[in-house]
Amino acid sequence: SPQYDPSPEYEPEAGSSSFQQSSQHQIELSQKDADDLFGCND
């Protein structure tokens, strides 16, 4: 869109990377929670 004018400060790769890291972190937390919940049911 013509209205979109990215500033020099904006780095798409850095933004995507940090978003990926944050998502991966959430996934790891979810997996850990699942391990805590279901891992106890031996």
PDB file of N, CA and C in Angstrom:
ATOM      1  N   SER A   1       0.846  -1.200   0.000  1.00  0.00           N
ATOM      2  CA  SER A   1       0.000   0.000   0.000  1.00  0.00           C
ATOM      3  C   SER A   1       0.875   1.242   0.000  1.00  0.00           C
ATOM      4  N   PRO A   2       0.497   2.260  -0.763  1.00  0.00           N
ATOM      5  CA  PRO A   2       1.299   3.493  -0.865  1.00  0.00           C
ATOM      6  C   PRO A   2       1.456   4.185   0.494  1.00  0.00           C
ATOM      7  N   GLN A   3       0.511   3.980   1.388  1.00  0.00           N
ATOM      8  CA  GLN A   3       0.571   4.632   2.686  1.00  0.00           C
ATOM      9  C   GLN A   3       1.692   4.043   3.534  1.00  0.00           C
ATOM     10  N   TYR A   4       2.061   2.804   3.234  1.00  0.00           N
ATOM     11  CA  TYR A   4       3.085   2.141   4.032  1.00  0.00           C
ATOM     12  C   TYR A   4       4.461   2.661   3.653  1.00  0.00           C
ATOM     13  N   ASP A   5       5.095   3.389   4.577  1.00  0.00           N
ATOM     14  CA  ASP A   5       6.425   3.936   4.323  1.00  0.00           C
ATOM     15  C   ASP A   5       7.338   3.538   5.472  1.00  0.00           C
ATOM     16  N   PRO A   6       8.010   2.407   5.341  1.00  0.00           N
ATOM     17  CA  PRO A   6       8.835   1.894   6.438  1.00  0.00           C
ATOM     18  C   PRO A   6       9.964   2.843   6.781  1.00  0.00           C
ATOM     19  N   SER A   7      10.143   3.096   8.055  1.00  0.00           N
ATOM     20  CA  SER A   7      11.223   3.975   8.481  1.00  0.00           C
ATOM     21  C   SER A   7      12.524   3.189   8.498  1.00  0.00           C
ATOM     22  N   PRO A   8      13.668   3.872   8.412  1.00  0.00           N
ATOM     23  CA  PRO A   8      14.966   3.191   8.417  1.00  0.00           C
ATOM     24  C   PRO A   8      15.176   2.361   9.688  1.00  0.00           C
ATOM     25  N   GLU A   9      14.480   2.729  10.753  1.00  0.00           N
ATOM     26  CA  GLU A   9      14.648   2.014  12.012  1.00  0.00           C
ATOM     27  C   GLU A   9      13.994   0.631  11.945  1.00  0.00           C
ATOM     28  N   TYR A  10      13.002   0.512  11.056  1.00  0.00           N
ATOM     29  CA  TYR A  10      12.259  -0.738  10.987  1.00  0.00           C
ATOM     30  C   TYR A  10      13.032  -1.779  10.204  1.00  0.00           C
ATOM     31  N   GLU A  11      13.334  -2.912  10.834  1.00  0.00           N
ATOM     32  CA  GLU A  11      14.030  -3.999  10.155  1.00  0.00           C
ATOM     33  C   GLU A  11      13.133  -5.230  10.157  1.00  0.00           C
ATOM     34  N   PRO A  12      12.532  -5.569   8.997  1.00  0.00           N
ATOM     35  CA  PRO A  12      11.590  -6.687   8.911  1.00  0.00           C
ATOM     36  C   PRO A  12      12.205  -7.990   9.427  1.00  0.00           C
ATOM     37  N   GLU A  13      13.469  -8.250   9.057  1.00  0.00           N
ATOM     38  CA  GLU A  13      14.102  -9.508   9.453  1.00  0.00           C
ATOM     39  C   GLU A  13      14.247  -9.570  10.972  1.00  0.00           C
ATOM     40  N   ALA A  14      14.689  -8.467  11.550  1.00  0.00           N
ATOM     41  CA  ALA A  14      14.858  -8.435  13.004  1.00  0.00           C
ATOM     42  C   ALA A  14      13.503  -8.609  13.687  1.00  0.00           C
ATOM     43  N   GLY A  15      12.491  -7.955  13.150  1.00  0.00           N
ATOM     44  CA  GLY A  15      11.155  -8.074  13.732  1.00  0.00           C
ATOM     45  C   GLY A  15      10.643  -9.503  13.637  1.00  0.00           C
ATOM     46  N   SER A  16      10.788 -10.103  12.464  1.00  0.00           N
ATOM     47  CA  SER A  16      10.322 -11.477  12.279  1.00  0.00           C
ATOM     48  C   SER A  16      11.114 -12.421  13.179  1.00  0.00           C
ATOM     49  N   SER A  17      12.425 -12.163  13.269  1.00  0.00           N
ATOM     50  CA  SER A  17      13.279 -13.029  14.076  1.00  0.00           C
ATOM     51  C   SER A  17      12.847 -12.981  15.534  1.00  0.00           C
ATOM     52  N   SER A  18      12.645 -11.779  16.038  1.00  0.00           N
ATOM     53  CA  SER A  18      12.260 -11.653  17.449  1.00  0.00           C
ATOM     54  C   SER A  18      10.876 -12.251  17.670  1.00  0.00           C
ATOM     55  N   PHE A  19      10.003 -12.126  16.662  1.00  0.00           N
ATOM     56  CA  PHE A  19       8.676 -12.721  16.775  1.00  0.00           C
ATOM     57  C   PHE A  19       8.795 -14.245  16.802  1.00  0.00           C
ATOM     58  N   GLN A  20       9.664 -14.784  15.952  1.00  0.00           N
ATOM     59  CA  GLN A  20       9.881 -16.231  15.922  1.00  0.00           C
ATOM     60  C   GLN A  20      10.425 -16.706  17.260  1.00  0.00           C
ATOM     61  N   GLN A  21      11.403 -15.976  17.797  1.00  0.00           N
ATOM     62  CA  GLN A  21      11.985 -16.351  19.085  1.00  0.00           C
ATOM     63  C   GLN A  21      10.903 -16.339  20.152  1.00  0.00           C
ATOM     64  N   SER A  22      10.080 -15.305  20.135  1.00  0.00           N
ATOM     65  CA  SER A  22       9.016 -15.189  21.129  1.00  0.00           C
ATOM     66  C   SER A  22       8.015 -16.318  20.973  1.00  0.00           C
ATOM     67  N   SER A  23       7.659 -16.660  19.732  1.00  0.00           N
ATOM     68  CA  SER A  23       6.726 -17.763  19.504  1.00  0.00           C
ATOM     69  C   SER A  23       7.346 -19.080  19.954  1.00  0.00           C
ATOM     70  N   GLN A  24       8.612 -19.280  19.591  1.00  0.00           N
ATOM     71  CA  GLN A  24       9.306 -20.511  19.977  1.00  0.00           C
ATOM     72  C   GLN A  24       9.362 -20.600  21.492  1.00  0.00           C
ATOM     73  N   HIS A  25       9.588 -19.471  22.143  1.00  0.00           N
ATOM     74  CA  HIS A  25       9.651 -19.456  23.608  1.00  0.00           C
ATOM     75  C   HIS A  25       8.307 -19.885  24.191  1.00  0.00           C
ATOM     76  N   GLN A  26       7.229 -19.361  23.607  1.00  0.00           N
ATOM     77  CA  GLN A  26       5.889 -19.731  24.069  1.00  0.00           C
ATOM     78  C   GLN A  26       5.657 -21.224  23.883  1.00  0.00           C
ATOM     79  N   ILE A  27       6.095 -21.752  22.736  1.00  0.00           N
ATOM     80  CA  ILE A  27       5.926 -23.183  22.454  1.00  0.00           C
ATOM     81  C   ILE A  27       6.686 -24.006  23.489  1.00  0.00           C
ATOM     82  N   GLU A  28       7.909 -23.588  23.785  1.00  0.00           N
ATOM     83  CA  GLU A  28       8.711 -24.314  24.770  1.00  0.00           C
ATOM     84  C   GLU A  28       8.025 -24.274  26.130  1.00  0.00           C
ATOM     85  N   LEU A  29       7.468 -23.114  26.477  1.00  0.00           N
ATOM     86  CA  LEU A  29       6.770 -22.994  27.754  1.00  0.00           C
ATOM     87  C   LEU A  29       5.562 -23.927  27.769  1.00  0.00           C
ATOM     88  N   SER A  30       4.823 -23.967  26.653  1.00  0.00           N
ATOM     89  CA  SER A  30       3.645 -24.829  26.575  1.00  0.00           C
ATOM     90  C   SER A  30       4.049 -26.290  26.717  1.00  0.00           C
ATOM     91  N   GLN A  31       5.130 -26.672  26.039  1.00  0.00           N
ATOM     92  CA  GLN A  31       5.602 -28.047  26.129  1.00  0.00           C
ATOM     93  C   GLN A  31       6.035 -28.368  27.548  1.00  0.00           C
ATOM     94  N   LYS A  32       6.685 -27.399  28.212  1.00  0.00           N
ATOM     95  CA  LYS A  32       7.124 -27.619  29.584  1.00  0.00           C
ATOM     96  C   LYS A  32       5.908 -27.798  30.488  1.00  0.00           C
ATOM     97  N   ASP A  33       4.892 -26.971  30.275  1.00  0.00           N
ATOM     98  CA  ASP A  33       3.668 -27.099  31.071  1.00  0.00           C
ATOM     99  C   ASP A  33       3.046 -28.474  30.854  1.00  0.00           C
ATOM    100  N   ALA A  34       3.032 -28.915  29.603  1.00  0.00           N
ATOM    101  CA  ALA A  34       2.466 -30.227  29.291  1.00  0.00           C
ATOM    102  C   ALA A  34       3.273 -31.316  29.985  1.00  0.00           C
ATOM    103  N   ASP A  35       4.589 -31.174  29.974  1.00  0.00           N
ATOM    104  CA  ASP A  35       5.443 -32.161  30.647  1.00  0.00           C
ATOM    105  C   ASP A  35       5.148 -32.163  32.139  1.00  0.00           C
ATOM    106  N   ASP A  36       4.972 -30.976  32.704  1.00  0.00           N
ATOM    107  CA  ASP A  36       4.683 -30.891  34.139  1.00  0.00           C
ATOM    108  C   ASP A  36       3.344 -31.550  34.449  1.00  0.00           C
ATOM    109  N   LEU A  37       2.364 -31.342  33.557  1.00  0.00           N
ATOM    110  CA  LEU A  37       1.024 -31.875  33.805  1.00  0.00           C
ATOM    111  C   LEU A  37       0.979 -33.381  33.584  1.00  0.00           C
ATOM    112  N   PHE A  38       1.460 -33.800  32.395  1.00  0.00           N
ATOM    113  CA  PHE A  38       1.293 -35.207  32.014  1.00  0.00           C
ATOM    114  C   PHE A  38       2.491 -36.058  32.430  1.00  0.00           C
ATOM    115  N   GLY A  39       3.630 -35.412  32.652  1.00  0.00           N
ATOM    116  CA  GLY A  39       4.820 -36.164  33.026  1.00  0.00           C
ATOM    117  C   GLY A  39       4.688 -36.763  34.417  1.00  0.00           C
ATOM    118  N   CYS A  40       3.819 -36.175  35.233  1.00  0.00           N
ATOM    119  CA  CYS A  40       3.656 -36.667  36.602  1.00  0.00           C
ATOM    120  C   CYS A  40       2.775 -37.917  36.622  1.00  0.00           C
ATOM    121  N   ASN A  41       2.038 -38.146  35.539  1.00  0.00           N
ATOM    122  CA  ASN A  41       1.091 -39.256  35.540  1.00  0.00           C
ATOM    123  C   ASN A  41       1.756 -40.529  35.064  1.00  0.00           C
ATOM    124  N   ASP A  42       2.781 -40.959  35.745  1.00  0.00           N
ATOM    125  CA  ASP A  42       3.443 -42.204  35.353  1.00  0.00           C
ATOM    126  C   ASP A  42       2.594 -43.385  35.794  1.00  0.00           C
TER     127      ASP A  42
END
